[in-house]
Amino acid sequence: MKKFYIVIMIHFAQLSVAQENQQTIDSLLQVLKLLSSDFPEVKLAPGSDTTKVIVLNRLGRYYKSISDYELSFKYSNEAKSCAQKSNYKKGEVVALNNLSIVNRSIGKYDSALVNLTDALKISETLNDKRGVAACYHGIGVIYDNSGDSEKAMVFYLDALKTFEELGDKKAVGISYNSI
């Protein structure tokens, strides 16, 4: 009987998370609709392009979290394009990371590697050490998943070193776990 209650509780917890994700997605879609409208007040608002990129990236991330890779890919690609048009480099890096994870999740390791290599180059030009370290780690994961543990180790160690320099204990722990 105890097992039955545990199974029921887990089921309700999963439903609650799914419902919460759907509410977040619905809210983000409403914001996106407003940002994409023809109202001049919205188009001229400072930061509206940046906000649109952020919303698109969040939609990509939420759809990825529920394994809807098609919609995740769509919104992440749109975020990348919008970020490039508005020269919002950090938003472009987030979009490339999202695209990399989607590509990795569906076994497209070459595409995932291209996404992360592009994100790494941008992070380096921005002097964003945390972004560089995250790219190193992601590249390590791709090599690890594709069976090249030697290359993976090189990137994991680069990520570890950079996270240690930044004092990011959580990321250091994740790096050690990957090694």
Foldseek 3Di string as FASTA:
>chain_A
DVVVVVVVVVVVVVVVVVVVLVVLLVVLVVLLCVLPDPDVVSVPDPCSLVVNLVSLLVNLVSCVVVVVLVSSLVSLVVSLVSCVVVVVLVSNLSSLCSNLVSCVVVPNLVSSLVSLVVSLVSCVVVVPLLSNLVSLQSNLVSCVVVPNNVSSLVSLVVSLVSCVVVVPVVSNVVSVVSD
